[in-house]
C-alpha atoms as a PDB file:
ATOM      1  CA  MET A   1     106.841 145.346-203.009  1.00  0.00           C
ATOM      2  CA  THR A   2     107.666 145.887-199.346  1.00  0.00           C
ATOM      3  CA  ALA A   3     108.943 143.141-197.072  1.00  0.00           C
ATOM      4  CA  ARG A   4     105.641 143.107-195.209  1.00  0.00           C
ATOM      5  CA  SER A   5     103.721 142.812-198.474  1.00  0.00           C
ATOM      6  CA  LYS A   6     105.820 139.818-199.414  1.00  0.00           C
ATOM      7  CA  VAL A   7     105.070 138.209-196.075  1.00  0.00           C
ATOM      8  CA  ARG A   8     101.360 138.949-196.383  1.00  0.00           C
ATOM      9  CA  GLY A   9     101.319 137.503-199.881  1.00  0.00           C
ATOM     10  CA  SER A  10     102.784 134.241-198.644  1.00  0.00           C
ATOM     11  CA  HIS A  11     100.555 134.004-195.571  1.00  0.00           C
ATOM     12  CA  ALA A  12      98.160 131.343-196.844  1.00  0.00           C
ATOM     13  CA  ALA A  13     100.976 129.342-198.388  1.00  0.00           C
ATOM     14  CA  SER A  14     103.261 129.172-195.379  1.00  0.00           C
ATOM     15  CA  SER A  15     102.459 129.507-191.675  1.00  0.00           C
ATOM     16  CA  LEU A  16      98.724 129.033-192.083  1.00  0.00           C
ATOM     17  CA  VAL A  17      99.422 125.746-193.833  1.00  0.00           C
ATOM     18  CA  LYS A  18      99.920 124.212-190.411  1.00  0.00           C
ATOM     19  CA  VAL A  19      96.953 125.695-188.639  1.00  0.00           C
ATOM     20  CA  MET A  20      94.551 125.310-191.558  1.00  0.00           C
ATOM     21  CA  LEU A  21      95.826 122.029-192.966  1.00  0.00           C
ATOM     22  CA  LEU A  22      97.244 123.569-196.140  1.00  0.00           C
ATOM     23  CA  GLY A  23      94.560 126.208-196.540  1.00  0.00           C
ATOM     24  CA  ILE A  24      91.391 124.236-195.748  1.00  0.00           C
ATOM     25  CA  ALA A  25      90.116 126.786-193.228  1.00  0.00           C
ATOM     26  CA  LEU A  26      90.935 130.129-194.893  1.00  0.00           C
ATOM     27  CA  ALA A  27      87.302 130.788-195.727  1.00  0.00           C
ATOM     28  CA  MET A  28      86.310 129.802-192.199  1.00  0.00           C
ATOM     29  CA  TRP A  29      88.537 132.547-190.751  1.00  0.00           C
ATOM     30  CA  ALA A  30      86.887 135.285-192.835  1.00  0.00           C
ATOM     31  CA  GLY A  31      83.420 133.938-192.154  1.00  0.00           C
ATOM     32  CA  SER A  32      83.891 133.881-188.398  1.00  0.00           C
ATOM     33  CA  LEU A  33      85.092 137.463-187.921  1.00  0.00           C
ATOM     34  CA  GLU A  34      81.584 138.700-187.200  1.00  0.00           C
ATOM     35  CA  ALA A  35      81.275 136.207-184.308  1.00  0.00           C
ATOM     36  CA  GLN A  36      84.261 137.465-182.333  1.00  0.00           C
ATOM     37  CA  GLU A  37      82.565 137.899-178.949  1.00  0.00           C
ATOM     38  CA  GLU A  38      80.190 134.939-179.069  1.00  0.00           C
ATOM     39  CA  MET A  39      80.493 131.658-177.226  1.00  0.00           C
ATOM     40  CA  ALA A  40      81.422 128.547-179.149  1.00  0.00           C
ATOM     41  CA  VAL A  41      78.223 126.779-180.169  1.00  0.00           C
ATOM     42  CA  ALA A  42      77.671 123.326-178.675  1.00  0.00           C
ATOM     43  CA  SER A  43      77.643 120.786-181.492  1.00  0.00           C
ATOM     44  CA  PRO A  44      77.143 117.015-181.414  1.00  0.00           C
ATOM     45  CA  ARG A  45      79.435 116.872-184.458  1.00  0.00           C
ATOM     46  CA  ALA A  46      82.286 118.830-182.882  1.00  0.00           C
ATOM     47  CA  SER A  47      84.510 115.738-182.640  1.00  0.00           C
ATOM     48  CA  HIS A  48      84.237 115.396-186.437  1.00  0.00           C
ATOM     49  CA  SER A  49      85.056 119.035-187.186  1.00  0.00           C
ATOM     50  CA  LEU A  50      88.439 120.447-188.220  1.00  0.00           C
ATOM     51  CA  LEU A  51      90.638 120.071-185.141  1.00  0.00           C
ATOM     52  CA  ILE A  52      94.146 121.510-184.989  1.00  0.00           C
ATOM     53  CA  ASP A  53      95.952 120.615-181.769  1.00  0.00           C
ATOM     54  CA  ALA A  54      95.890 118.209-178.827  1.00  0.00           C
ATOM     55  CA  ALA A  55      97.387 118.160-175.331  1.00  0.00           C
ATOM     56  CA  HIS A  56      97.320 116.339-172.004  1.00  0.00           C
ATOM     57  CA  ALA A  57      95.832 117.950-168.897  1.00  0.00           C
ATOM     58  CA  GLY A  58      96.995 115.284-166.478  1.00  0.00           C
ATOM     59  CA  ASP A  59      95.154 112.135-167.581  1.00  0.00           C
ATOM     60  CA  ARG A  60      92.609 114.189-169.531  1.00  0.00           C
ATOM     61  CA  LEU A  61      92.910 114.673-173.303  1.00  0.00           C
ATOM     62  CA  VAL A  62      92.130 118.147-174.690  1.00  0.00           C
ATOM     63  CA  VAL A  63      91.754 119.072-178.362  1.00  0.00           C
ATOM     64  CA  VAL A  64      91.053 122.452-180.011  1.00  0.00           C
ATOM     65  CA  GLY A  65      90.037 123.618-183.472  1.00  0.00           C
ATOM     66  CA  GLU A  66      87.517 125.399-185.635  1.00  0.00           C
ATOM     67  CA  ARG A  67      84.739 127.672-184.303  1.00  0.00           C
ATOM     68  CA  GLY A  68      86.306 127.766-180.854  1.00  0.00           C
ATOM     69  CA  HIS A  69      85.742 124.061-180.291  1.00  0.00           C
ATOM     70  CA  VAL A  70      87.490 122.608-177.232  1.00  0.00           C
ATOM     71  CA  LEU A  71      86.813 118.937-176.536  1.00  0.00           C
ATOM     72  CA  LEU A  72      87.686 116.912-173.430  1.00  0.00           C
ATOM     73  CA  SER A  73      88.030 113.192-172.804  1.00  0.00           C
ATOM     74  CA  ASP A  74      88.585 111.448-169.464  1.00  0.00           C
ATOM     75  CA  ASP A  75      88.462 107.898-170.860  1.00  0.00           C
ATOM     76  CA  GLN A  76      91.386 107.879-173.300  1.00  0.00           C
ATOM     77  CA  GLY A  77      89.310 109.201-176.179  1.00  0.00           C
ATOM     78  CA  ALA A  78      86.350 106.826-176.055  1.00  0.00           C
ATOM     79  CA  THR A  79      83.920 109.688-175.323  1.00  0.00           C
ATOM     80  CA  TRP A  80      84.183 113.471-175.584  1.00  0.00           C
ATOM     81  CA  THR A  81      82.489 116.503-174.036  1.00  0.00           C
ATOM     82  CA  GLN A  82      82.595 120.083-175.316  1.00  0.00           C
ATOM     83  CA  ALA A  83      83.941 122.845-173.084  1.00  0.00           C
ATOM     84  CA  HIS A  84      82.490 126.331-172.535  1.00  0.00           C
ATOM     85  CA  VAL A  85      84.639 128.687-174.637  1.00  0.00           C
ATOM     86  CA  PRO A  86      84.184 132.476-175.179  1.00  0.00           C
ATOM     87  CA  THR A  87      85.034 132.544-178.895  1.00  0.00           C
ATOM     88  CA  ARG A  88      84.040 131.141-182.270  1.00  0.00           C
ATOM     89  CA  GLN A  89      87.425 131.798-183.800  1.00  0.00           C
ATOM     90  CA  LEU A  90      89.726 129.047-185.020  1.00  0.00           C
ATOM     91  CA  LEU A  91      91.966 127.853-182.177  1.00  0.00           C
ATOM     92  CA  THR A  92      95.383 126.779-183.400  1.00  0.00           C
ATOM     93  CA  ALA A  93      97.274 125.449-180.358  1.00  0.00           C
ATOM     94  CA  VAL A  94      96.801 124.364-176.752  1.00  0.00           C
ATOM     95  CA  TYR A  95      99.271 123.791-173.901  1.00  0.00           C
ATOM     96  CA  PHE A  96      98.912 122.666-170.265  1.00  0.00           C
ATOM     97  CA  VAL A  97     101.486 123.051-167.491  1.00  0.00           C
ATOM     98  CA  ASP A  98      99.583 120.680-165.172  1.00  0.00           C
ATOM     99  CA  SER A  99      96.201 118.980-164.899  1.00  0.00           C
ATOM    100  CA  GLN A 100      94.334 122.248-164.271  1.00  0.00           C
ATOM    101  CA  HIS A 101      96.138 125.200-165.900  1.00  0.00           C
ATOM    102  CA  GLY A 102      96.259 125.575-169.661  1.00  0.00           C
ATOM    103  CA  TRP A 103      96.240 128.085-172.509  1.00  0.00           C
ATOM    104  CA  ALA A 104      94.942 128.087-176.064  1.00  0.00           C
ATOM    105  CA  VAL A 105      95.696 130.546-178.878  1.00  0.00           C
ATOM    106  CA  GLY A 106      94.114 131.338-182.215  1.00  0.00           C
ATOM    107  CA  HIS A 107      92.864 133.904-184.691  1.00  0.00           C
ATOM    108  CA  ASP A 108      92.545 137.592-183.817  1.00  0.00           C
ATOM    109  CA  ALA A 109      95.656 136.988-181.707  1.00  0.00           C
ATOM    110  CA  GLN A 110      93.386 135.532-179.045  1.00  0.00           C
ATOM    111  CA  ILE A 111      94.757 133.850-175.938  1.00  0.00           C
ATOM    112  CA  LEU A 112      92.393 131.841-173.740  1.00  0.00           C
ATOM    113  CA  ALA A 113      93.124 130.346-170.314  1.00  0.00           C
ATOM    114  CA  THR A 114      91.606 127.647-168.106  1.00  0.00           C
ATOM    115  CA  ARG A 115      92.033 126.847-164.418  1.00  0.00           C
ATOM    116  CA  ASP A 116      89.810 123.769-164.290  1.00  0.00           C
ATOM    117  CA  GLY A 117      91.427 121.340-166.697  1.00  0.00           C
ATOM    118  CA  GLY A 118      89.778 122.818-169.764  1.00  0.00           C
ATOM    119  CA  ALA A 119      86.131 122.681-168.680  1.00  0.00           C
ATOM    120  CA  THR A 120      85.769 126.489-168.850  1.00  0.00           C
ATOM    121  CA  TRP A 121      87.911 129.187-170.458  1.00  0.00           C
ATOM    122  CA  ASN A 122      88.337 132.945-170.214  1.00  0.00           C
ATOM    123  CA  LYS A 123      89.842 135.321-172.763  1.00  0.00           C
ATOM    124  CA  GLN A 124      93.131 136.818-171.537  1.00  0.00           C
ATOM    125  CA  PHE A 125      94.270 138.657-174.656  1.00  0.00           C
ATOM    126  CA  GLU A 126      93.046 139.753-178.068  1.00  0.00           C
ATOM    127  CA  ASP A 127      94.458 142.103-180.709  1.00  0.00           C
ATOM    128  CA  LEU A 128      92.134 142.643-183.673  1.00  0.00           C
ATOM    129  CA  ALA A 129      94.520 145.183-185.181  1.00  0.00           C
ATOM    130  CA  ARG A 130      97.080 142.470-185.911  1.00  0.00           C
ATOM    131  CA  GLU A 131      94.730 140.884-188.448  1.00  0.00           C
ATOM    132  CA  ALA A 132      96.655 137.663-187.975  1.00  0.00           C
ATOM    133  CA  PRO A 133      96.584 134.543-185.814  1.00  0.00           C
ATOM    134  CA  LEU A 134      98.772 133.260-183.044  1.00  0.00           C
ATOM    135  CA  LEU A 135     100.016 129.814-183.985  1.00  0.00           C
ATOM    136  CA  ASP A 136     101.564 128.234-180.887  1.00  0.00           C
ATOM    137  CA  VAL A 137     101.917 128.660-177.135  1.00  0.00           C
ATOM    138  CA  HIS A 138     104.376 127.307-174.566  1.00  0.00           C
ATOM    139  CA  PHE A 139     104.782 127.862-170.817  1.00  0.00           C
ATOM    140  CA  LEU A 140     107.929 127.255-168.788  1.00  0.00           C
ATOM    141  CA  ASP A 141     105.876 127.144-165.586  1.00  0.00           C
ATOM    142  CA  GLY A 142     102.516 128.374-164.348  1.00  0.00           C
ATOM    143  CA  GLN A 143     103.545 132.014-164.677  1.00  0.00           C
ATOM    144  CA  HIS A 144     106.066 132.378-167.495  1.00  0.00           C
ATOM    145  CA  GLY A 145     104.913 131.703-171.035  1.00  0.00           C
ATOM    146  CA  PHE A 146     105.227 132.667-174.701  1.00  0.00           C
ATOM    147  CA  ALA A 147     102.954 132.758-177.743  1.00  0.00           C
ATOM    148  CA  VAL A 148     104.152 133.005-181.359  1.00  0.00           C
ATOM    149  CA  GLY A 149     102.376 133.749-184.595  1.00  0.00           C
ATOM    150  CA  ALA A 150     102.082 135.396-187.981  1.00  0.00           C
ATOM    151  CA  TYR A 151     104.199 138.411-188.960  1.00  0.00           C
ATOM    152  CA  GLY A 152     106.881 137.571-186.413  1.00  0.00           C
ATOM    153  CA  ALA A 153     104.654 137.886-183.342  1.00  0.00           C
ATOM    154  CA  LEU A 154     106.298 136.926-180.053  1.00  0.00           C
ATOM    155  CA  LEU A 155     104.315 137.605-176.867  1.00  0.00           C
ATOM    156  CA  GLU A 156     105.436 136.970-173.291  1.00  0.00           C
ATOM    157  CA  THR A 157     103.724 136.804-169.905  1.00  0.00           C
ATOM    158  CA  ARG A 158     105.283 136.508-166.461  1.00  0.00           C
ATOM    159  CA  ASP A 159     102.073 136.451-164.433  1.00  0.00           C
ATOM    160  CA  GLY A 160     100.165 133.521-165.859  1.00  0.00           C
ATOM    161  CA  GLY A 161      98.638 135.592-168.638  1.00  0.00           C
ATOM    162  CA  GLN A 162      97.138 138.475-166.688  1.00  0.00           C
ATOM    163  CA  ARG A 163      99.378 140.690-168.821  1.00  0.00           C
ATOM    164  CA  TRP A 164     100.913 139.848-172.197  1.00  0.00           C
ATOM    165  CA  GLN A 165     103.747 141.929-173.665  1.00  0.00           C
ATOM    166  CA  ASP A 166     104.857 142.087-177.297  1.00  0.00           C
ATOM    167  CA  VAL A 167     108.570 141.187-177.299  1.00  0.00           C
ATOM    168  CA  SER A 168     108.923 140.509-181.023  1.00  0.00           C
ATOM    169  CA  GLU A 169     111.921 142.865-181.178  1.00  0.00           C
ATOM    170  CA  ARG A 170     114.008 140.272-179.348  1.00  0.00           C
ATOM    171  CA  LEU A 171     114.222 138.251-182.557  1.00  0.00           C
ATOM    172  CA  ASP A 172     116.405 139.021-185.564  1.00  0.00           C
ATOM    173  CA  ASN A 173     113.430 138.951-187.928  1.00  0.00           C
ATOM    174  CA  PRO A 174     113.410 142.144-190.042  1.00  0.00           C
ATOM    175  CA  ASP A 175     111.033 140.665-192.644  1.00  0.00           C
ATOM    176  CA  GLN A 176     108.515 139.673-189.957  1.00  0.00           C
ATOM    177  CA  LEU A 177     108.538 136.058-191.063  1.00  0.00           C
ATOM    178  CA  HIS A 178     105.760 133.967-189.553  1.00  0.00           C
ATOM    179  CA  LEU A 179     106.685 132.040-186.410  1.00  0.00           C
ATOM    180  CA  ASN A 180     104.913 128.699-186.468  1.00  0.00           C
ATOM    181  CA  ALA A 181     105.960 126.794-183.357  1.00  0.00           C
ATOM    182  CA  ILE A 182     107.797 127.093-180.045  1.00  0.00           C
ATOM    183  CA  THR A 183     108.953 124.425-177.603  1.00  0.00           C
ATOM    184  CA  ALA A 184     111.449 123.675-174.854  1.00  0.00           C
ATOM    185  CA  ILE A 185     114.477 121.475-175.591  1.00  0.00           C
ATOM    186  CA  LYS A 186     115.531 119.297-172.674  1.00  0.00           C
ATOM    187  CA  ASP A 187     118.268 120.873-170.520  1.00  0.00           C
ATOM    188  CA  ARG A 188     119.062 123.517-173.156  1.00  0.00           C
ATOM    189  CA  GLY A 189     116.365 126.152-173.655  1.00  0.00           C
ATOM    190  CA  LEU A 190     113.641 127.343-176.026  1.00  0.00           C
ATOM    191  CA  PHE A 191     113.417 126.859-179.782  1.00  0.00           C
ATOM    192  CA  ILE A 192     111.236 128.585-182.417  1.00  0.00           C
ATOM    193  CA  VAL A 193     110.733 127.606-186.071  1.00  0.00           C
ATOM    194  CA  GLY A 194     108.976 129.435-188.866  1.00  0.00           C
ATOM    195  CA  GLU A 195     108.732 130.649-192.416  1.00  0.00           C
ATOM    196  CA  GLN A 196     111.601 130.322-194.903  1.00  0.00           C
ATOM    197  CA  GLY A 197     113.439 127.861-192.676  1.00  0.00           C
ATOM    198  CA  SER A 198     113.845 130.393-189.867  1.00  0.00           C
ATOM    199  CA  LEU A 199     115.210 128.987-186.591  1.00  0.00           C
ATOM    200  CA  TYR A 200     115.726 130.757-183.256  1.00  0.00           C
ATOM    201  CA  ARG A 201     116.988 129.560-179.884  1.00  0.00           C
ATOM    202  CA  SER A 202     117.249 130.953-176.376  1.00  0.00           C
ATOM    203  CA  SER A 203     119.284 129.611-173.458  1.00  0.00           C
ATOM    204  CA  ASP A 204     118.063 132.122-170.863  1.00  0.00           C
ATOM    205  CA  GLY A 205     114.319 131.609-170.669  1.00  0.00           C
ATOM    206  CA  GLY A 206     113.476 133.654-173.757  1.00  0.00           C
ATOM    207  CA  GLN A 207     115.139 136.945-172.813  1.00  0.00           C
ATOM    208  CA  GLN A 208     117.750 136.755-175.564  1.00  0.00           C
ATOM    209  CA  TRP A 209     117.406 134.919-178.851  1.00  0.00           C
ATOM    210  CA  SER A 210     119.924 134.025-181.541  1.00  0.00           C
ATOM    211  CA  ARG A 211     119.137 133.111-185.118  1.00  0.00           C
ATOM    212  CA  VAL A 212     120.311 129.639-186.139  1.00  0.00           C
ATOM    213  CA  GLU A 213     121.439 128.669-189.627  1.00  0.00           C
ATOM    214  CA  GLY A 214     119.701 125.577-190.971  1.00  0.00           C
ATOM    215  CA  PRO A 215     119.986 123.504-194.156  1.00  0.00           C
ATOM    216  CA  TYR A 216     116.426 124.106-195.410  1.00  0.00           C
ATOM    217  CA  GLU A 217     114.920 127.344-196.740  1.00  0.00           C
ATOM    218  CA  GLY A 218     111.304 126.217-196.879  1.00  0.00           C
ATOM    219  CA  SER A 219     108.752 126.764-194.140  1.00  0.00           C
ATOM    220  CA  LEU A 220     108.988 124.729-190.952  1.00  0.00           C
ATOM    221  CA  PHE A 221     105.708 124.106-189.146  1.00  0.00           C
ATOM    222  CA  GLY A 222     106.762 122.236-186.033  1.00  0.00           C
ATOM    223  CA  VAL A 223     109.596 121.719-183.576  1.00  0.00           C
ATOM    224  CA  LEU A 224     110.021 119.021-180.982  1.00  0.00           C
ATOM    225  CA  GLY A 225     112.530 118.116-178.302  1.00  0.00           C
ATOM    226  CA  THR A 226     113.318 114.459-177.650  1.00  0.00           C
ATOM    227  CA  ALA A 227     114.179 112.667-174.412  1.00  0.00           C
ATOM    228  CA  THR A 228     117.881 113.358-175.015  1.00  0.00           C
ATOM    229  CA  PRO A 229     119.227 116.741-173.864  1.00  0.00           C
ATOM    230  CA  GLY A 230     119.916 119.123-176.743  1.00  0.00           C
ATOM    231  CA  THR A 231     118.210 117.059-179.454  1.00  0.00           C
ATOM    232  CA  VAL A 232     115.876 119.048-181.719  1.00  0.00           C
ATOM    233  CA  LEU A 233     113.532 117.869-184.480  1.00  0.00           C
ATOM    234  CA  ALA A 234     112.193 120.502-186.898  1.00  0.00           C
ATOM    235  CA  TYR A 235     109.796 119.611-189.698  1.00  0.00           C
ATOM    236  CA  GLY A 236     107.715 121.222-192.428  1.00  0.00           C
ATOM    237  CA  LEU A 237     106.980 121.354-196.141  1.00  0.00           C
ATOM    238  CA  ARG A 238     107.453 118.405-198.518  1.00  0.00           C
ATOM    239  CA  GLY A 239     108.362 115.929-195.818  1.00  0.00           C
ATOM    240  CA  ASN A 240     111.431 117.834-194.717  1.00  0.00           C
ATOM    241  CA  LEU A 241     112.606 116.672-191.283  1.00  0.00           C
ATOM    242  CA  LEU A 242     115.763 118.076-189.687  1.00  0.00           C
ATOM    243  CA  ARG A 243     117.573 116.720-186.618  1.00  0.00           C
ATOM    244  CA  SER A 244     120.142 118.362-184.378  1.00  0.00           C
ATOM    245  CA  THR A 245     121.843 116.755-181.379  1.00  0.00           C
ATOM    246  CA  ASP A 246     123.600 119.967-180.258  1.00  0.00           C
ATOM    247  CA  PHE A 247     120.730 122.454-179.818  1.00  0.00           C
ATOM    248  CA  GLY A 248     120.959 123.645-183.410  1.00  0.00           C
ATOM    249  CA  ASP A 249     124.716 124.038-183.898  1.00  0.00           C
ATOM    250  CA  SER A 250     124.614 121.411-186.657  1.00  0.00           C
ATOM    251  CA  TRP A 251     121.843 119.627-188.518  1.00  0.00           C
ATOM    252  CA  GLN A 252     121.205 116.377-190.367  1.00  0.00           C
ATOM    253  CA  THR A 253     118.345 115.698-192.777  1.00  0.00           C
ATOM    254  CA  VAL A 254     116.315 112.629-191.783  1.00  0.00           C
ATOM    255  CA  GLN A 255     115.406 110.552-194.829  1.00  0.00           C
ATOM    256  CA  LEU A 256     111.755 109.500-194.873  1.00  0.00           C
ATOM    257  CA  GLN A 257     110.925 106.636-197.213  1.00  0.00           C
ATOM    258  CA  THR A 258     107.598 105.126-198.207  1.00  0.00           C
ATOM    259  CA  ALA A 259     106.886 102.144-200.440  1.00  0.00           C
ATOM    260  CA  ARG A 260     106.563 104.602-203.332  1.00  0.00           C
ATOM    261  CA  GLY A 261     109.691 106.604-202.602  1.00  0.00           C
ATOM    262  CA  PRO A 262     110.607 109.635-200.446  1.00  0.00           C
ATOM    263  CA  LEU A 263     107.797 111.133-198.376  1.00  0.00           C
ATOM    264  CA  ALA A 264     106.598 114.351-200.023  1.00  0.00           C
ATOM    265  CA  PHE A 265     103.726 115.358-197.723  1.00  0.00           C
ATOM    266  CA  GLY A 266     103.976 118.377-195.434  1.00  0.00           C
ATOM    267  CA  LEU A 267     104.503 117.608-191.737  1.00  0.00           C
ATOM    268  CA  ALA A 268     102.435 119.580-189.240  1.00  0.00           C
ATOM    269  CA  GLY A 269     102.589 118.284-185.661  1.00  0.00           C
ATOM    270  CA  GLY A 270     104.440 115.939-183.348  1.00  0.00           C
ATOM    271  CA  ALA A 271     104.729 114.597-179.824  1.00  0.00           C
ATOM    272  CA  LEU A 272     107.243 113.003-177.511  1.00  0.00           C
ATOM    273  CA  LEU A 273     105.438 110.060-175.927  1.00  0.00           C
ATOM    274  CA  ALA A 274     105.782 108.780-172.381  1.00  0.00           C
ATOM    275  CA  ASP A 275     107.934 105.836-173.498  1.00  0.00           C
ATOM    276  CA  GLY A 276     110.442 108.165-175.188  1.00  0.00           C
ATOM    277  CA  SER A 277     109.292 107.436-178.733  1.00  0.00           C
ATOM    278  CA  VAL A 278     108.544 110.278-181.156  1.00  0.00           C
ATOM    279  CA  VAL A 279     105.514 110.566-183.457  1.00  0.00           C
ATOM    280  CA  ILE A 280     105.093 113.198-186.194  1.00  0.00           C
ATOM    281  CA  VAL A 281     102.006 113.588-188.405  1.00  0.00           C
ATOM    282  CA  GLY A 282     101.061 115.501-191.526  1.00  0.00           C
ATOM    283  CA  ASN A 283      99.222 115.605-194.819  1.00  0.00           C
ATOM    284  CA  GLY A 284      98.093 112.507-196.665  1.00  0.00           C
ATOM    285  CA  GLY A 285      97.391 110.816-193.338  1.00  0.00           C
ATOM    286  CA  SER A 286     101.114 110.455-192.698  1.00  0.00           C
ATOM    287  CA  VAL A 287     102.159 109.030-189.313  1.00  0.00           C
ATOM    288  CA  LEU A 288     105.908 108.891-188.612  1.00  0.00           C
ATOM    289  CA  ARG A 289     107.277 106.959-185.633  1.00  0.00           C
ATOM    290  CA  SER A 290     110.792 106.827-184.195  1.00  0.00           C
ATOM    291  CA  LEU A 291     112.111 104.550-181.464  1.00  0.00           C
ATOM    292  CA  ASP A 292     115.689 105.850-181.586  1.00  0.00           C
ATOM    293  CA  ASP A 293     115.431 109.498-180.564  1.00  0.00           C
ATOM    294  CA  GLY A 294     114.443 110.716-184.023  1.00  0.00           C
ATOM    295  CA  GLU A 295     117.399 109.293-185.933  1.00  0.00           C
ATOM    296  CA  HIS A 296     115.190 106.976-188.011  1.00  0.00           C
ATOM    297  CA  PHE A 297     111.431 106.928-188.649  1.00  0.00           C
ATOM    298  CA  SER A 298     108.945 104.388-189.920  1.00  0.00           C
ATOM    299  CA  VAL A 299     106.257 105.904-192.167  1.00  0.00           C
ATOM    300  CA  PHE A 300     102.613 104.838-192.212  1.00  0.00           C
ATOM    301  CA  ASN A 301     100.084 106.461-194.555  1.00  0.00           C
ATOM    302  CA  ARG A 302      96.551 106.034-193.304  1.00  0.00           C
ATOM    303  CA  PRO A 303      94.127 104.712-195.946  1.00  0.00           C
ATOM    304  CA  ASP A 304      91.732 107.660-195.548  1.00  0.00           C
ATOM    305  CA  ARG A 305      94.574 110.074-196.538  1.00  0.00           C
ATOM    306  CA  LEU A 306      92.968 112.831-194.439  1.00  0.00           C
ATOM    307  CA  ALA A 307      95.392 115.541-193.344  1.00  0.00           C
ATOM    308  CA  LEU A 308      96.584 115.324-189.738  1.00  0.00           C
ATOM    309  CA  SER A 309      97.719 118.334-187.735  1.00  0.00           C
ATOM    310  CA  ALA A 310      98.565 116.981-184.252  1.00  0.00           C
ATOM    311  CA  VAL A 311      99.088 113.827-182.222  1.00  0.00           C
ATOM    312  CA  ALA A 312      99.052 112.894-178.538  1.00  0.00           C
ATOM    313  CA  GLY A 313      99.769 109.655-176.744  1.00  0.00           C
ATOM    314  CA  ARG A 314      97.097 107.466-175.165  1.00  0.00           C
ATOM    315  CA  THR A 315      97.463 104.494-172.825  1.00  0.00           C
ATOM    316  CA  ASN A 316      97.221 101.985-175.672  1.00  0.00           C
ATOM    317  CA  GLY A 317      97.873 104.042-178.768  1.00  0.00           C
ATOM    318  CA  LEU A 318      97.606 107.466-180.352  1.00  0.00           C
ATOM    319  CA  LEU A 319      95.126 110.321-180.552  1.00  0.00           C
ATOM    320  CA  LEU A 320      95.224 111.875-184.036  1.00  0.00           C
ATOM    321  CA  VAL A 321      93.444 115.119-184.935  1.00  0.00           C
ATOM    322  CA  GLY A 322      93.035 117.077-188.156  1.00  0.00           C
ATOM    323  CA  GLN A 323      90.710 117.064-191.134  1.00  0.00           C
ATOM    324  CA  GLY A 324      87.602 115.106-190.184  1.00  0.00           C
ATOM    325  CA  GLY A 325      88.196 115.451-186.455  1.00  0.00           C
ATOM    326  CA  ILE A 326      89.410 112.871-183.952  1.00  0.00           C
ATOM    327  CA  ARG A 327      90.934 109.504-184.808  1.00  0.00           C
ATOM    328  CA  LEU A 328      91.956 106.845-182.273  1.00  0.00           C
ATOM    329  CA  ALA A 329      94.883 104.830-183.575  1.00  0.00           C
ATOM    330  CA  THR A 330      97.416 102.162-182.711  1.00  0.00           C
ATOM    331  CA  ALA A 331     101.014 103.135-181.971  1.00  0.00           C
ATOM    332  CA  GLU A 332     101.742 102.807-185.699  1.00  0.00           C
ATOM    333  CA  GLY A 333      98.778 104.979-186.767  1.00  0.00           C
ATOM    334  CA  ALA A 334      96.177 102.425-187.906  1.00  0.00           C
ATOM    335  CA  ASP A 335      92.547 102.842-186.802  1.00  0.00           C
ATOM    336  CA  GLN A 336      91.729 101.431-183.373  1.00  0.00           C
ATOM    337  CA  GLU A 337      88.290 100.793-181.928  1.00  0.00           C
ATOM    338  CA  VAL A 338      87.881 101.881-178.306  1.00  0.00           C
ATOM    339  CA  GLN A 339      84.765 101.085-176.284  1.00  0.00           C
ATOM    340  CA  PRO A 340      83.414 103.743-173.874  1.00  0.00           C
END
């Protein structure tokens, strides 16, 4: 079996765990291929559909997910409107550099862009021949950005997305392991995590990358920088959460305990909140919260046990998205009623 065959065989069990909540949306991907060029269908139930990622566009909340759904809220999540989006493919990640300019990525290696805070989107890039999704996107400023994805995909733009270049060869990734997430670490540089515990860092804006040795060989689905320069949190399968305070030179395993013992659920998404606290979410309705820069976490398992894929801060709590759509929660993760 070739290296690529091995990667393909593990596709559904590794990187796509994050974007499809451990395989929930595999059938959806195949079923939506014939709708590649169609607009996302307006649906009154879109806020209850499978949603994958969330971001802030200034004070606006933006979430993305299945069938090209992009939802917007200007009242801290009390009400939502659906954006005009030129795809019905699963969107896996969204990122804004300011209140107006943002990007979303998804299946068919699609990259979408908005210049009006997410109200309307245009397709900047698509590569059907890849037969694989992009899984995350990050911009350093309004012009310079990166997208990562399955089979070691690393794309770069220096003109706001008018042109995207495949720069996957910059990584030491001969087996084309899936790249699941990319982020910036305060005052240090860029960090990528992926399949089989793969870790990469760049200190020069993504032009050169070095592979980092970590203590875990299972897939990592997310990476997050804290408010402290050089501190990295990487997380993934079976509740594994790694912390580095020196930009990946050394790592410690963060112990996550529940009333029934160590947390065993996969972790999928996280956010650094405005107050400096860190929240990470995952399967089983797990909501992890740290007030000490990621050194220790409290663990709350929501009673509905629905898988969560992303979190964003709100004025008085959290926005949780995943299986079953949008959930408004307290800072600890419990349900919170918000009046429009």
